[in-house]
Amino acid sequence: MIIAIDGPAASGKGTLAKRIAAHFGYGCLDTGLLYRAVARDVMARNRSLEDEAFAARIARTLDAATLDDAGLRLPGVGDAASVVAKFPAVRAALLDFQRDFARQEPGAVLDGRDIGTVVCPDAPVKIFVTADVEVRARRRFEEMRRLGEPVTFDRVLEVIRRRDERDAGRADAPMKAARDAILLDTTNLDIETSFDAAVGLIKRKIGQ
């Protein structure tokens, strides 16, 4: 069983994916961490994020053991990740890793931006999680403020909008809902209500 969860930044898809995976006893992969790790390693070598060939080389030799690096969660790394993620060579290099993960038993939950459209287009369950951009920016702002990050709401909103534009506008594997994806709008939902709604959607989809 493969559950594909896609959506824009700060929509709540990552938290939902973890909760859903734990509920069903499935493996969980935040595919955004792969791109964050590539961006991290490119920057660590003092190379430009716009160097597609170098970023692809990093992606081909990515050490999965480094995906638990807490530094990957830093806001700046997320923005850098969306830069390397636009390159077809980088996406191709990471595709097999994601598909291998998805084939595990008894099942897997993958969250990202092109899981239902490119990585696992045959996934039995596809959910596209979204929310109004200002609500997403507010969530990210509050998260960063709790971590002590010196940031303003307007700056976070600007970054979220820029990421949305870059993710949806890239030529290769743009962020979009699969035609058979279930839309889950979390604008007015807290995490518990979102989780309950998602589990209900999944159970109805697979006939439980």
Protein backbone atom coordinates (compact mmCIF):
# COMPACT_ATOMS: atom_id res chain seq x y z
CA MET A 1 0.00 0.00 0.00
CA ILE A 2 1.31 3.41 -0.98
CA ILE A 3 -0.18 6.65 0.29
CA ALA A 4 1.00 9.71 -1.63
CA ILE A 5 0.64 13.06 0.10
CA ASP A 6 1.44 16.22 -1.83
CA GLY A 7 1.01 19.91 -1.19
CA PRO A 8 2.73 23.27 -0.80
CA ALA A 9 5.02 24.41 2.01
CA ALA A 10 3.49 24.67 5.51
CA SER A 11 0.22 23.05 4.46
CA GLY A 12 0.60 20.46 7.21
CA LYS A 13 1.34 17.52 4.92
CA GLY A 14 4.53 16.48 6.72
CA THR A 15 2.88 16.23 10.12
CA LEU A 16 -0.08 14.42 8.58
CA ALA A 17 2.18 11.96 6.78
CA LYS A 18 3.93 10.99 10.02
CA ARG A 19 0.66 10.59 11.90
CA ILE A 20 -0.90 8.55 9.10
CA ALA A 21 2.15 6.28 8.79
CA ALA A 22 2.16 5.63 12.55
CA HIS A 23 -1.59 4.94 12.52
CA PHE A 24 -1.37 2.30 9.79
CA GLY A 25 2.06 0.96 10.72
CA TYR A 26 3.69 2.08 7.47
CA GLY A 27 7.09 3.54 6.69
CA CYS A 28 7.23 7.30 6.19
CA LEU A 29 9.46 9.38 3.93
CA ASP A 30 9.55 13.16 3.82
CA THR A 31 10.92 13.43 0.29
CA GLY A 32 11.65 17.10 0.83
CA LEU A 33 14.50 16.03 3.10
CA LEU A 34 16.24 14.50 0.07
CA TYR A 35 16.31 17.86 -1.69
CA ARG A 36 17.24 19.63 1.52
CA ALA A 37 20.17 17.23 1.94
CA VAL A 38 21.33 17.89 -1.61
CA ALA A 39 21.13 21.66 -1.03
CA ARG A 40 22.96 21.30 2.29
CA ASP A 41 25.79 19.32 0.71
CA VAL A 42 26.10 21.70 -2.24
CA MET A 43 26.35 24.70 0.08
CA ALA A 44 28.80 22.84 2.37
CA ARG A 45 31.14 22.59 -0.60
CA ASN A 46 30.77 26.29 -1.35
CA ARG A 47 29.21 25.65 -4.74
CA SER A 48 26.37 27.54 -6.34
CA LEU A 49 22.88 26.12 -5.90
CA GLU A 50 22.36 26.93 -9.57
CA ASP A 51 25.07 24.45 -10.64
CA GLU A 52 22.81 21.67 -11.89
CA ALA A 53 25.58 19.23 -12.82
CA PHE A 54 27.20 19.48 -9.39
CA ALA A 55 23.86 19.22 -7.56
CA ALA A 56 23.02 16.10 -9.58
CA ARG A 57 26.37 14.57 -8.68
CA ILE A 58 25.61 15.20 -5.01
CA ALA A 59 22.14 13.65 -5.43
CA ARG A 60 23.57 10.48 -6.97
CA THR A 61 25.87 9.93 -3.98
CA LEU A 62 23.51 11.11 -1.24
CA ASP A 63 23.98 9.30 2.08
CA ALA A 64 20.53 8.37 3.38
CA ALA A 65 21.97 8.11 6.89
CA THR A 66 22.32 11.91 6.98
CA LEU A 67 18.59 12.54 6.55
CA ASP A 68 18.14 12.75 10.32
CA ASP A 69 20.36 15.85 10.43
CA ALA A 70 18.44 18.45 12.45
CA GLY A 71 19.99 21.16 10.31
CA LEU A 72 17.85 20.05 7.39
CA ARG A 73 14.84 21.57 9.13
CA LEU A 74 16.26 25.07 9.17
CA PRO A 75 14.12 27.51 7.12
CA GLY A 76 16.97 28.63 4.86
CA VAL A 77 17.69 25.06 3.83
CA GLY A 78 14.08 24.64 2.74
CA ASP A 79 14.30 27.62 0.43
CA ALA A 80 17.62 26.36 -0.96
CA ALA A 81 16.07 22.93 -1.52
CA SER A 82 13.44 24.39 -3.83
CA VAL A 83 16.27 25.77 -5.98
CA VAL A 84 18.00 22.42 -6.57
CA ALA A 85 14.64 20.66 -6.83
CA LYS A 86 13.88 22.46 -10.10
CA PHE A 87 16.68 20.62 -11.90
CA PRO A 88 15.59 17.52 -13.90
CA ALA A 89 18.95 15.82 -13.32
CA VAL A 90 18.58 16.14 -9.55
CA ARG A 91 15.02 14.84 -9.58
CA ALA A 92 16.00 11.90 -11.78
CA ALA A 93 18.87 11.01 -9.46
CA LEU A 94 16.52 10.83 -6.44
CA LEU A 95 13.63 9.05 -8.15
CA ASP A 96 14.85 5.48 -7.60
CA PHE A 97 15.48 6.14 -3.90
CA GLN A 98 11.89 7.27 -3.45
CA ARG A 99 10.37 4.41 -5.45
CA ASP A 100 12.44 1.81 -3.60
CA PHE A 101 11.17 3.22 -0.31
CA ALA A 102 7.58 3.12 -1.56
CA ARG A 103 7.77 -0.61 -2.31
CA GLN A 104 8.32 -1.66 1.32
CA GLU A 105 5.82 -3.83 3.13
CA PRO A 106 3.25 -3.50 4.55
CA GLY A 107 3.10 0.00 3.11
CA ALA A 108 4.61 3.45 2.86
CA VAL A 109 3.54 7.06 3.15
CA LEU A 110 5.52 9.55 1.06
CA ASP A 111 5.00 13.28 1.22
CA GLY A 112 6.29 15.84 -1.21
CA ARG A 113 5.16 17.82 -4.21
CA ASP A 114 5.14 15.29 -7.05
CA ILE A 115 4.51 11.95 -5.34
CA GLY A 116 1.09 11.34 -6.83
CA THR A 117 1.98 12.69 -10.26
CA VAL A 118 5.54 11.43 -10.86
CA VAL A 119 7.10 9.33 -8.10
CA CYS A 120 4.15 7.01 -7.44
CA PRO A 121 1.49 7.76 -10.05
CA ASP A 122 -0.16 4.37 -9.40
CA ALA A 123 -0.50 4.89 -5.65
CA PRO A 124 -3.94 3.66 -4.52
CA VAL A 125 -4.38 6.68 -2.25
CA LYS A 126 -3.39 10.23 -3.20
CA ILE A 127 -4.09 13.25 -1.05
CA PHE A 128 -3.29 16.85 -1.94
CA VAL A 129 -3.07 18.94 1.23
CA THR A 130 -3.44 22.68 0.89
CA ALA A 131 -4.35 25.82 2.83
CA ASP A 132 -4.58 29.55 2.17
CA VAL A 133 -1.14 31.07 1.70
CA GLU A 134 -1.49 33.52 4.58
CA VAL A 135 -2.56 30.72 6.93
CA ARG A 136 0.45 28.67 5.86
CA ALA A 137 2.74 31.64 6.36
CA ARG A 138 1.29 32.22 9.82
CA ARG A 139 1.93 28.60 10.77
CA ARG A 140 5.53 28.76 9.57
CA PHE A 141 6.06 32.14 11.27
CA GLU A 142 4.80 30.80 14.61
CA GLU A 143 6.99 27.71 14.25
CA MET A 144 10.08 29.80 13.55
CA ARG A 145 9.29 32.19 16.39
CA ARG A 146 9.06 29.26 18.83
CA LEU A 147 12.53 28.25 17.67
CA GLY A 148 13.80 31.75 18.37
CA GLU A 149 14.33 32.65 14.72
CA PRO A 150 14.50 36.45 14.14
CA VAL A 151 11.92 36.75 11.38
CA THR A 152 8.87 38.82 10.47
CA PHE A 153 5.54 37.54 9.21
CA ASP A 154 5.85 39.57 6.00
CA ARG A 155 9.23 37.97 5.27
CA VAL A 156 7.87 34.46 5.84
CA LEU A 157 4.89 35.21 3.60
CA GLU A 158 7.22 36.41 0.87
CA VAL A 159 9.32 33.24 1.09
CA ILE A 160 6.25 30.97 1.02
CA ARG A 161 4.85 32.74 -2.03
CA ARG A 162 8.21 32.53 -3.80
CA ARG A 163 8.47 28.82 -3.06
CA ASP A 164 4.93 28.20 -4.29
CA GLU A 165 5.72 29.97 -7.54
CA ARG A 166 8.99 28.11 -8.04
CA ASP A 167 7.54 24.70 -7.13
CA ALA A 168 4.45 25.06 -9.29
CA GLY A 169 6.23 26.75 -12.17
CA ARG A 170 9.23 24.47 -12.72
CA ALA A 171 9.28 22.65 -16.05
CA ASP A 172 10.09 19.24 -14.57
CA ALA A 173 7.61 17.60 -12.16
CA PRO A 174 5.80 20.78 -11.08
CA MET A 175 3.80 20.76 -7.87
CA LYS A 176 0.19 19.99 -8.67
CA ALA A 177 -2.59 17.72 -7.56
CA ALA A 178 -2.90 14.42 -9.40
CA ARG A 179 -6.16 14.11 -11.31
CA ASP A 180 -7.35 11.38 -8.95
CA ALA A 181 -6.06 13.01 -5.75
CA ILE A 182 -8.37 13.83 -2.86
CA LEU A 183 -8.16 17.50 -1.88
CA LEU A 184 -7.78 18.22 1.83
CA ASP A 185 -7.96 21.93 2.69
CA THR A 186 -6.55 22.50 6.18
CA THR A 187 -7.11 26.26 6.27
CA ASN A 188 -9.65 26.00 9.07
CA LEU A 189 -8.53 22.68 10.56
CA ASP A 190 -6.17 21.95 13.42
CA ILE A 191 -3.85 18.94 13.25
CA GLU A 192 -6.22 16.57 15.07
CA THR A 193 -9.16 17.44 12.83
CA SER A 194 -6.93 17.23 9.74
CA PHE A 195 -5.67 13.81 10.82
CA ASP A 196 -9.16 12.47 11.48
CA ALA A 197 -10.32 13.77 8.10
CA ALA A 198 -7.34 12.22 6.30
CA VAL A 199 -7.78 8.81 7.94
CA GLY A 200 -11.45 8.88 7.05
CA LEU A 201 -10.63 9.70 3.43
CA ILE A 202 -8.06 6.91 3.26
CA LYS A 203 -10.37 4.29 4.76
CA ARG A 204 -13.17 5.19 2.37
CA LYS A 205 -10.71 5.06 -0.55
CA ILE A 206 -9.44 1.58 0.27
CA GLY A 207 -12.86 0.30 1.31
CA GLN A 208 -12.28 -0.21 5.03
